[in-house]
Amino acid sequence: MGYYSALRRQRIVAIIEKKQAVLDALYDAMTDAATAIEDYKFDSNEGSQRAKRRKLEEIQKSITILEAEIYHLAQKLDGTGLVKHNLRRKPGTLFRRTIEE
């Protein structure tokens, strides 16, 4: 179980809060993207403007990634989950399958 100093815990909490704010914005963007036009172009003779929204699938993928990152950070903060694990093979213990005829 990993234990972190107070400073490290504060950093993890700050990162979680920032990611949560981005996640909230993505949820709002997903609501807007479900009902909005994806690409809009306005051209007056004096200048042109173009607005493009992200596709709904891209927003959903970003949400899934952020939720996983927040979950992982929360596990680190609570000291649960896999923290670090090293696997080593001992010499001569390779798995070999022998076929007898």
N, C-alpha and C. Protein backbone atom coordinates (compact mmCIF):
# COMPACT_ATOMS: atom_id res chain seq x y z
N MET A 1 0.85 -1.17 0.00
CA MET A 1 0.00 0.00 0.00
C MET A 1 0.89 1.23 0.00
N GLY A 2 0.63 2.18 -0.88
CA GLY A 2 1.47 3.35 -0.97
C GLY A 2 0.96 4.49 -0.12
N TYR A 3 1.84 5.11 0.61
CA TYR A 3 1.50 6.25 1.43
C TYR A 3 2.22 7.46 0.86
N TYR A 4 1.51 8.57 0.77
CA TYR A 4 2.08 9.76 0.18
C TYR A 4 2.19 10.86 1.23
N SER A 5 3.15 11.75 1.02
CA SER A 5 3.30 12.89 1.90
C SER A 5 2.13 13.84 1.70
N ALA A 6 1.99 14.78 2.60
CA ALA A 6 0.89 15.75 2.52
C ALA A 6 0.98 16.57 1.23
N LEU A 7 2.19 16.92 0.83
CA LEU A 7 2.38 17.70 -0.39
C LEU A 7 1.96 16.89 -1.62
N ARG A 8 2.35 15.64 -1.66
CA ARG A 8 1.99 14.77 -2.79
C ARG A 8 0.47 14.57 -2.86
N ARG A 9 -0.16 14.40 -1.68
CA ARG A 9 -1.62 14.25 -1.65
C ARG A 9 -2.30 15.51 -2.16
N GLN A 10 -1.77 16.69 -1.81
CA GLN A 10 -2.34 17.95 -2.28
C GLN A 10 -2.22 18.05 -3.80
N ARG A 11 -1.09 17.62 -4.33
CA ARG A 11 -0.90 17.65 -5.79
C ARG A 11 -1.90 16.74 -6.49
N ILE A 12 -2.10 15.54 -5.95
CA ILE A 12 -3.04 14.59 -6.56
C ILE A 12 -4.46 15.16 -6.51
N VAL A 13 -4.84 15.75 -5.37
CA VAL A 13 -6.17 16.34 -5.24
C VAL A 13 -6.33 17.49 -6.24
N ALA A 14 -5.30 18.32 -6.42
CA ALA A 14 -5.36 19.43 -7.36
C ALA A 14 -5.52 18.93 -8.80
N ILE A 15 -4.80 17.86 -9.12
CA ILE A 15 -4.91 17.28 -10.47
C ILE A 15 -6.31 16.72 -10.69
N ILE A 16 -6.85 16.03 -9.68
CA ILE A 16 -8.20 15.49 -9.81
C ILE A 16 -9.21 16.62 -10.01
N GLU A 17 -9.07 17.71 -9.27
CA GLU A 17 -10.00 18.84 -9.41
C GLU A 17 -9.92 19.47 -10.80
N LYS A 18 -8.71 19.61 -11.33
CA LYS A 18 -8.55 20.17 -12.68
C LYS A 18 -9.18 19.25 -13.73
N LYS A 19 -8.91 17.95 -13.60
CA LYS A 19 -9.48 17.00 -14.55
C LYS A 19 -11.00 16.94 -14.43
N GLN A 20 -11.52 17.09 -13.22
CA GLN A 20 -12.96 17.08 -13.02
C GLN A 20 -13.60 18.31 -13.68
N ALA A 21 -12.92 19.46 -13.61
CA ALA A 21 -13.42 20.66 -14.27
C ALA A 21 -13.47 20.47 -15.78
N VAL A 22 -12.43 19.86 -16.34
CA VAL A 22 -12.41 19.58 -17.78
C VAL A 22 -13.50 18.59 -18.14
N LEU A 23 -13.69 17.59 -17.29
CA LEU A 23 -14.73 16.59 -17.52
C LEU A 23 -16.12 17.23 -17.51
N ASP A 24 -16.36 18.14 -16.58
CA ASP A 24 -17.64 18.85 -16.55
C ASP A 24 -17.86 19.66 -17.83
N ALA A 25 -16.79 20.31 -18.31
CA ALA A 25 -16.89 21.07 -19.56
C ALA A 25 -17.17 20.15 -20.74
N LEU A 26 -16.58 18.96 -20.73
CA LEU A 26 -16.82 18.00 -21.82
C LEU A 26 -18.26 17.49 -21.79
N TYR A 27 -18.81 17.28 -20.60
CA TYR A 27 -20.21 16.88 -20.52
C TYR A 27 -21.12 17.97 -21.09
N ASP A 28 -20.80 19.24 -20.80
CA ASP A 28 -21.57 20.35 -21.37
C ASP A 28 -21.41 20.39 -22.89
N ALA A 29 -20.18 20.17 -23.36
CA ALA A 29 -19.92 20.17 -24.80
C ALA A 29 -20.65 19.03 -25.49
N MET A 30 -20.75 17.88 -24.81
CA MET A 30 -21.46 16.74 -25.39
C MET A 30 -22.94 17.07 -25.55
N THR A 31 -23.51 17.75 -24.58
CA THR A 31 -24.91 18.15 -24.66
C THR A 31 -25.11 19.12 -25.82
N ASP A 32 -24.18 20.07 -25.96
CA ASP A 32 -24.27 21.05 -27.05
C ASP A 32 -24.05 20.39 -28.41
N ALA A 33 -23.12 19.45 -28.48
CA ALA A 33 -22.78 18.81 -29.75
C ALA A 33 -23.90 17.91 -30.24
N ALA A 34 -24.69 17.39 -29.34
CA ALA A 34 -25.79 16.51 -29.74
C ALA A 34 -26.89 17.27 -30.48
N THR A 35 -26.97 18.58 -30.24
CA THR A 35 -28.05 19.37 -30.86
C THR A 35 -27.53 20.45 -31.80
N ALA A 36 -26.23 20.64 -31.90
CA ALA A 36 -25.69 21.76 -32.67
C ALA A 36 -25.18 21.33 -34.04
N ILE A 37 -24.94 22.34 -34.87
CA ILE A 37 -24.35 22.12 -36.18
C ILE A 37 -22.86 21.88 -36.00
N GLU A 38 -22.31 20.91 -36.72
CA GLU A 38 -20.90 20.58 -36.54
C GLU A 38 -19.96 21.57 -37.23
N ASP A 39 -20.35 22.10 -38.37
CA ASP A 39 -19.48 23.00 -39.10
C ASP A 39 -20.33 24.15 -39.64
N TYR A 40 -19.89 25.37 -39.38
CA TYR A 40 -20.63 26.54 -39.81
C TYR A 40 -19.66 27.54 -40.41
N LYS A 41 -20.04 28.11 -41.56
CA LYS A 41 -19.19 29.09 -42.21
C LYS A 41 -20.04 30.28 -42.63
N PHE A 42 -19.59 31.46 -42.26
CA PHE A 42 -20.28 32.69 -42.63
C PHE A 42 -19.30 33.56 -43.39
N ASP A 43 -19.71 34.01 -44.56
CA ASP A 43 -18.81 34.81 -45.40
C ASP A 43 -19.54 36.06 -45.84
N SER A 44 -19.14 37.20 -45.29
CA SER A 44 -19.61 38.48 -45.83
C SER A 44 -18.49 38.98 -46.73
N ASN A 45 -18.75 39.93 -47.53
CA ASN A 45 -17.73 40.40 -48.47
C ASN A 45 -16.57 41.08 -47.75
N GLU A 46 -16.74 41.41 -46.48
CA GLU A 46 -15.68 42.07 -45.74
C GLU A 46 -14.78 41.09 -45.00
N GLY A 47 -15.26 39.89 -44.78
CA GLY A 47 -14.46 38.90 -44.06
C GLY A 47 -15.26 37.62 -43.90
N SER A 48 -14.61 36.60 -43.41
CA SER A 48 -15.31 35.34 -43.23
C SER A 48 -15.04 34.80 -41.82
N GLN A 49 -16.00 34.04 -41.34
CA GLN A 49 -15.87 33.39 -40.03
C GLN A 49 -16.22 31.93 -40.20
N ARG A 50 -15.57 31.12 -39.43
CA ARG A 50 -15.84 29.68 -39.49
C ARG A 50 -15.80 29.12 -38.08
N ALA A 51 -16.78 28.33 -37.77
CA ALA A 51 -16.84 27.68 -36.46
C ALA A 51 -17.01 26.19 -36.69
N LYS A 52 -16.28 25.42 -35.92
CA LYS A 52 -16.36 23.98 -36.06
C LYS A 52 -16.42 23.37 -34.68
N ARG A 53 -17.36 22.47 -34.50
CA ARG A 53 -17.51 21.79 -33.23
C ARG A 53 -16.91 20.40 -33.33
N ARG A 54 -16.52 19.88 -32.18
CA ARG A 54 -15.97 18.53 -32.16
C ARG A 54 -17.09 17.54 -32.35
N LYS A 55 -16.76 16.43 -32.93
CA LYS A 55 -17.75 15.38 -33.13
C LYS A 55 -18.10 14.74 -31.80
N LEU A 56 -19.30 14.22 -31.71
CA LEU A 56 -19.79 13.61 -30.49
C LEU A 56 -18.94 12.42 -30.07
N GLU A 57 -18.47 11.63 -31.04
CA GLU A 57 -17.64 10.46 -30.72
C GLU A 57 -16.32 10.87 -30.08
N GLU A 58 -15.71 11.96 -30.57
CA GLU A 58 -14.46 12.44 -30.00
C GLU A 58 -14.65 12.90 -28.56
N ILE A 59 -15.77 13.57 -28.31
CA ILE A 59 -16.06 14.05 -26.96
C ILE A 59 -16.27 12.87 -26.03
N GLN A 60 -17.01 11.86 -26.48
CA GLN A 60 -17.26 10.69 -25.65
C GLN A 60 -15.95 9.94 -25.34
N LYS A 61 -15.06 9.86 -26.32
CA LYS A 61 -13.77 9.21 -26.10
C LYS A 61 -12.94 9.98 -25.07
N SER A 62 -12.95 11.31 -25.17
CA SER A 62 -12.22 12.14 -24.20
C SER A 62 -12.80 11.98 -22.80
N ILE A 63 -14.13 11.87 -22.71
CA ILE A 63 -14.78 11.68 -21.41
C ILE A 63 -14.36 10.35 -20.80
N THR A 64 -14.35 9.30 -21.60
CA THR A 64 -13.96 7.98 -21.11
C THR A 64 -12.53 7.98 -20.60
N ILE A 65 -11.63 8.62 -21.33
CA ILE A 65 -10.23 8.69 -20.92
C ILE A 65 -10.08 9.48 -19.62
N LEU A 66 -10.75 10.63 -19.52
CA LEU A 66 -10.65 11.44 -18.32
C LEU A 66 -11.23 10.74 -17.10
N GLU A 67 -12.36 10.06 -17.28
CA GLU A 67 -12.95 9.32 -16.16
C GLU A 67 -12.00 8.24 -15.66
N ALA A 68 -11.33 7.55 -16.58
CA ALA A 68 -10.36 6.53 -16.18
C ALA A 68 -9.19 7.14 -15.44
N GLU A 69 -8.70 8.30 -15.90
CA GLU A 69 -7.59 8.96 -15.23
C GLU A 69 -7.98 9.42 -13.83
N ILE A 70 -9.18 9.98 -13.69
CA ILE A 70 -9.65 10.43 -12.38
C ILE A 70 -9.79 9.24 -11.44
N TYR A 71 -10.34 8.14 -11.94
CA TYR A 71 -10.50 6.94 -11.13
C TYR A 71 -9.14 6.41 -10.66
N HIS A 72 -8.16 6.39 -11.56
CA HIS A 72 -6.82 5.93 -11.22
C HIS A 72 -6.18 6.82 -10.16
N LEU A 73 -6.32 8.13 -10.32
CA LEU A 73 -5.75 9.06 -9.34
C LEU A 73 -6.44 8.92 -7.98
N ALA A 74 -7.74 8.69 -7.98
CA ALA A 74 -8.46 8.49 -6.73
C ALA A 74 -7.99 7.22 -6.03
N GLN A 75 -7.70 6.18 -6.81
CA GLN A 75 -7.17 4.94 -6.22
C GLN A 75 -5.79 5.19 -5.62
N LYS A 76 -4.95 5.95 -6.30
CA LYS A 76 -3.64 6.28 -5.76
C LYS A 76 -3.77 7.05 -4.45
N LEU A 77 -4.72 7.97 -4.44
CA LEU A 77 -4.92 8.80 -3.26
C LEU A 77 -5.39 7.97 -2.07
N ASP A 78 -6.26 6.99 -2.34
CA ASP A 78 -6.79 6.14 -1.28
C ASP A 78 -5.85 5.00 -0.90
N GLY A 79 -4.83 4.78 -1.71
CA GLY A 79 -3.89 3.69 -1.43
C GLY A 79 -4.43 2.34 -1.85
N THR A 80 -5.39 2.33 -2.77
CA THR A 80 -5.94 1.07 -3.26
C THR A 80 -5.48 0.85 -4.69
N GLY A 81 -5.68 -0.34 -5.17
CA GLY A 81 -5.29 -0.64 -6.54
C GLY A 81 -3.83 -1.03 -6.62
N LEU A 82 -3.38 -1.30 -7.82
CA LEU A 82 -2.00 -1.71 -8.05
C LEU A 82 -1.12 -0.47 -8.10
N VAL A 83 -0.18 -0.40 -7.21
CA VAL A 83 0.71 0.75 -7.15
C VAL A 83 1.96 0.49 -7.97
N LYS A 84 2.67 -0.59 -7.64
CA LYS A 84 3.87 -0.93 -8.37
C LYS A 84 4.08 -2.43 -8.23
N HIS A 85 4.45 -3.04 -9.32
CA HIS A 85 4.65 -4.48 -9.28
C HIS A 85 5.75 -4.84 -10.26
N ASN A 86 6.77 -5.51 -9.77
CA ASN A 86 7.87 -5.95 -10.62
C ASN A 86 7.84 -7.47 -10.73
N LEU A 87 7.92 -7.97 -11.92
CA LEU A 87 7.98 -9.40 -12.15
C LEU A 87 9.36 -9.73 -12.70
N ARG A 88 9.96 -10.74 -12.14
CA ARG A 88 11.26 -11.18 -12.62
C ARG A 88 11.23 -12.68 -12.77
N ARG A 89 11.90 -13.14 -13.78
CA ARG A 89 12.03 -14.59 -13.98
C ARG A 89 13.33 -15.06 -13.38
N LYS A 90 13.24 -16.20 -12.77
CA LYS A 90 14.47 -16.80 -12.27
C LYS A 90 15.13 -17.55 -13.42
N PRO A 91 16.42 -17.59 -13.46
CA PRO A 91 17.10 -18.30 -14.55
C PRO A 91 16.69 -19.78 -14.54
N GLY A 92 16.43 -20.30 -15.71
CA GLY A 92 16.12 -21.71 -15.85
C GLY A 92 14.67 -22.06 -15.59
N THR A 93 13.80 -21.07 -15.44
CA THR A 93 12.39 -21.37 -15.16
C THR A 93 11.49 -21.05 -16.35
N LEU A 94 12.06 -21.00 -17.51
CA LEU A 94 11.25 -20.75 -18.70
C LEU A 94 10.31 -21.93 -18.93
N PHE A 95 9.12 -21.62 -19.34
CA PHE A 95 8.14 -22.67 -19.61
C PHE A 95 8.48 -23.31 -20.95
N ARG A 96 8.68 -24.59 -20.92
CA ARG A 96 8.96 -25.32 -22.15
C ARG A 96 8.01 -26.48 -22.25
N ARG A 97 7.43 -26.62 -23.37
CA ARG A 97 6.51 -27.71 -23.59
C ARG A 97 7.23 -28.82 -24.33
N THR A 98 7.19 -29.98 -23.76
CA THR A 98 7.86 -31.10 -24.41
C THR A 98 6.81 -32.01 -25.01
N ILE A 99 7.08 -32.42 -26.19
CA ILE A 99 6.18 -33.34 -26.87
C ILE A 99 6.88 -34.68 -26.98
N GLU A 100 6.24 -35.66 -26.42
CA GLU A 100 6.79 -37.00 -26.49
C GLU A 100 6.12 -37.75 -27.62
N GLU A 101 6.89 -38.42 -28.36
CA GLU A 101 6.35 -39.17 -29.49
C GLU A 101 6.21 -40.64 -29.14
